[in-house]
Amino acid sequence: MLINLQLPVEDVNFILETLSEEPYRDVNDIIAKIQYQGRPQVEAAELAAAQEEPVEEVQTEE
């Protein structure tokens, strides 16, 4: 069974930070799964935000 969660990036980062305080052998797999699933979502959101930034017009002197 899979559970889909929607959390703010800040919460996911907090979870990852908290997990990182545990022994590596106990948390490595779950940290890798979170990063594997989260990275493409963050990259897509960053790309979309970059495309929405206004483009400055260059004014030429006539």
N, C-alpha and C. Protein backbone atom coordinates (compact mmCIF):
# COMPACT_ATOMS: atom_id res chain seq x y z
N MET A 1 0.84 -1.18 0.00
CA MET A 1 0.00 0.00 0.00
C MET A 1 0.88 1.24 0.00
N LEU A 2 0.53 2.22 -0.81
CA LEU A 2 1.25 3.48 -0.88
C LEU A 2 0.39 4.59 -0.28
N ILE A 3 1.05 5.54 0.35
CA ILE A 3 0.37 6.72 0.88
C ILE A 3 0.97 7.94 0.21
N ASN A 4 0.12 8.79 -0.36
CA ASN A 4 0.57 10.03 -0.98
C ASN A 4 0.36 11.17 0.01
N LEU A 5 1.41 11.91 0.28
CA LEU A 5 1.35 13.05 1.17
C LEU A 5 1.67 14.31 0.40
N GLN A 6 1.05 15.40 0.78
CA GLN A 6 1.39 16.70 0.22
C GLN A 6 1.83 17.58 1.38
N LEU A 7 3.10 17.92 1.37
CA LEU A 7 3.68 18.70 2.44
C LEU A 7 4.47 19.87 1.87
N PRO A 8 4.53 20.97 2.59
CA PRO A 8 5.40 22.07 2.14
C PRO A 8 6.86 21.62 2.16
N VAL A 9 7.66 22.20 1.29
CA VAL A 9 9.08 21.86 1.20
C VAL A 9 9.75 21.98 2.57
N GLU A 10 9.35 22.99 3.32
CA GLU A 10 9.95 23.21 4.64
C GLU A 10 9.72 22.01 5.56
N ASP A 11 8.52 21.43 5.50
CA ASP A 11 8.22 20.26 6.33
C ASP A 11 9.03 19.04 5.89
N VAL A 12 9.15 18.85 4.59
CA VAL A 12 9.93 17.72 4.09
C VAL A 12 11.39 17.88 4.50
N ASN A 13 11.92 19.10 4.39
CA ASN A 13 13.29 19.34 4.81
C ASN A 13 13.47 19.08 6.30
N PHE A 14 12.47 19.43 7.11
CA PHE A 14 12.53 19.17 8.54
C PHE A 14 12.55 17.66 8.81
N ILE A 15 11.72 16.93 8.10
CA ILE A 15 11.70 15.47 8.26
C ILE A 15 13.05 14.87 7.89
N LEU A 16 13.62 15.32 6.76
CA LEU A 16 14.92 14.82 6.34
C LEU A 16 16.01 15.16 7.35
N GLU A 17 15.95 16.37 7.88
CA GLU A 17 16.93 16.79 8.88
C GLU A 17 16.82 15.94 10.14
N THR A 18 15.60 15.68 10.56
CA THR A 18 15.38 14.87 11.75
C THR A 18 15.85 13.44 11.53
N LEU A 19 15.54 12.89 10.36
CA LEU A 19 15.99 11.53 10.05
C LEU A 19 17.51 11.44 10.01
N SER A 20 18.15 12.50 9.57
CA SER A 20 19.61 12.46 9.44
C SER A 20 20.32 12.36 10.78
N GLU A 21 19.60 12.60 11.86
CA GLU A 21 20.18 12.48 13.19
C GLU A 21 20.20 11.03 13.69
N GLU A 22 19.51 10.16 12.96
CA GLU A 22 19.45 8.74 13.32
C GLU A 22 20.62 7.99 12.66
N PRO A 23 20.90 6.78 13.12
CA PRO A 23 21.98 6.00 12.49
C PRO A 23 21.74 5.81 10.99
N TYR A 24 22.79 5.98 10.21
CA TYR A 24 22.72 5.93 8.76
C TYR A 24 22.03 4.65 8.28
N ARG A 25 22.43 3.53 8.82
CA ARG A 25 21.89 2.24 8.35
C ARG A 25 20.39 2.15 8.55
N ASP A 26 19.84 2.89 9.51
CA ASP A 26 18.41 2.83 9.80
C ASP A 26 17.58 3.74 8.90
N VAL A 27 18.17 4.81 8.39
CA VAL A 27 17.37 5.81 7.68
C VAL A 27 17.79 6.05 6.24
N ASN A 28 18.88 5.45 5.80
CA ASN A 28 19.38 5.72 4.45
C ASN A 28 18.33 5.44 3.38
N ASP A 29 17.66 4.31 3.46
CA ASP A 29 16.70 3.95 2.41
C ASP A 29 15.52 4.93 2.34
N ILE A 30 14.99 5.32 3.49
CA ILE A 30 13.84 6.21 3.47
C ILE A 30 14.23 7.61 3.01
N ILE A 31 15.42 8.07 3.40
CA ILE A 31 15.89 9.37 2.93
C ILE A 31 16.05 9.35 1.41
N ALA A 32 16.62 8.28 0.89
CA ALA A 32 16.80 8.17 -0.56
C ALA A 32 15.46 8.16 -1.28
N LYS A 33 14.45 7.49 -0.73
CA LYS A 33 13.13 7.46 -1.36
C LYS A 33 12.49 8.84 -1.38
N ILE A 34 12.61 9.57 -0.27
CA ILE A 34 12.04 10.91 -0.20
C ILE A 34 12.73 11.82 -1.22
N GLN A 35 14.05 11.75 -1.28
CA GLN A 35 14.79 12.58 -2.23
C GLN A 35 14.46 12.20 -3.67
N TYR A 36 14.35 10.91 -3.96
CA TYR A 36 14.06 10.43 -5.31
C TYR A 36 12.70 10.94 -5.79
N GLN A 37 11.71 10.93 -4.90
CA GLN A 37 10.38 11.37 -5.27
C GLN A 37 10.24 12.89 -5.25
N GLY A 38 10.96 13.54 -4.37
CA GLY A 38 10.82 14.98 -4.21
C GLY A 38 11.62 15.81 -5.19
N ARG A 39 12.80 15.34 -5.55
CA ARG A 39 13.68 16.13 -6.42
C ARG A 39 13.01 16.56 -7.72
N PRO A 40 12.36 15.65 -8.48
CA PRO A 40 11.74 16.09 -9.73
C PRO A 40 10.64 17.13 -9.52
N GLN A 41 9.93 17.04 -8.40
CA GLN A 41 8.86 18.00 -8.12
C GLN A 41 9.45 19.38 -7.85
N VAL A 42 10.53 19.42 -7.08
CA VAL A 42 11.18 20.70 -6.77
C VAL A 42 11.77 21.31 -8.04
N GLU A 43 12.42 20.49 -8.85
CA GLU A 43 13.01 20.99 -10.09
C GLU A 43 11.94 21.54 -11.03
N ALA A 44 10.81 20.85 -11.13
CA ALA A 44 9.73 21.31 -12.00
C ALA A 44 9.16 22.64 -11.49
N ALA A 45 9.01 22.76 -10.18
CA ALA A 45 8.48 24.01 -9.62
C ALA A 45 9.46 25.15 -9.83
N GLU A 46 10.75 24.89 -9.69
CA GLU A 46 11.76 25.93 -9.91
C GLU A 46 11.78 26.36 -11.37
N LEU A 47 11.66 25.42 -12.29
CA LEU A 47 11.63 25.73 -13.70
C LEU A 47 10.40 26.58 -14.05
N ALA A 48 9.25 26.20 -13.51
CA ALA A 48 8.03 26.95 -13.76
C ALA A 48 8.14 28.37 -13.21
N ALA A 49 8.72 28.51 -12.04
CA ALA A 49 8.88 29.84 -11.44
C ALA A 49 9.83 30.69 -12.27
N ALA A 50 10.89 30.09 -12.79
CA ALA A 50 11.86 30.82 -13.61
C ALA A 50 11.22 31.30 -14.91
N GLN A 51 10.31 30.52 -15.45
CA GLN A 51 9.65 30.90 -16.69
C GLN A 51 8.62 32.00 -16.48
N GLU A 52 8.15 32.15 -15.26
CA GLU A 52 7.15 33.18 -14.96
C GLU A 52 7.77 34.53 -14.65
N GLU A 53 9.09 34.57 -14.43
CA GLU A 53 9.76 35.83 -14.11
C GLU A 53 9.64 36.78 -15.29
N PRO A 54 9.32 38.05 -15.01
CA PRO A 54 9.20 39.01 -16.11
C PRO A 54 10.54 39.25 -16.79
N VAL A 55 10.48 39.43 -18.06
CA VAL A 55 11.68 39.70 -18.85
C VAL A 55 11.83 41.20 -18.97
N GLU A 56 13.01 41.71 -18.64
CA GLU A 56 13.25 43.15 -18.76
C GLU A 56 13.43 43.51 -20.22
N GLU A 57 12.78 44.61 -20.59
CA GLU A 57 12.93 45.08 -21.96
C GLU A 57 14.13 45.98 -22.04
N VAL A 58 14.87 45.86 -23.10
CA VAL A 58 16.02 46.71 -23.32
C VAL A 58 15.58 47.90 -24.14
N GLN A 59 15.81 49.08 -23.62
CA GLN A 59 15.42 50.29 -24.33
C GLN A 59 16.59 50.78 -25.16
N THR A 60 16.27 51.13 -26.37
CA THR A 60 17.32 51.65 -27.26
C THR A 60 17.09 53.14 -27.47
N GLU A 61 18.17 53.86 -27.65
CA GLU A 61 18.07 55.29 -27.91
C GLU A 61 17.83 55.49 -29.40
N GLU A 62 16.96 56.41 -29.69
CA GLU A 62 16.66 56.68 -31.11
C GLU A 62 17.23 58.00 -31.53
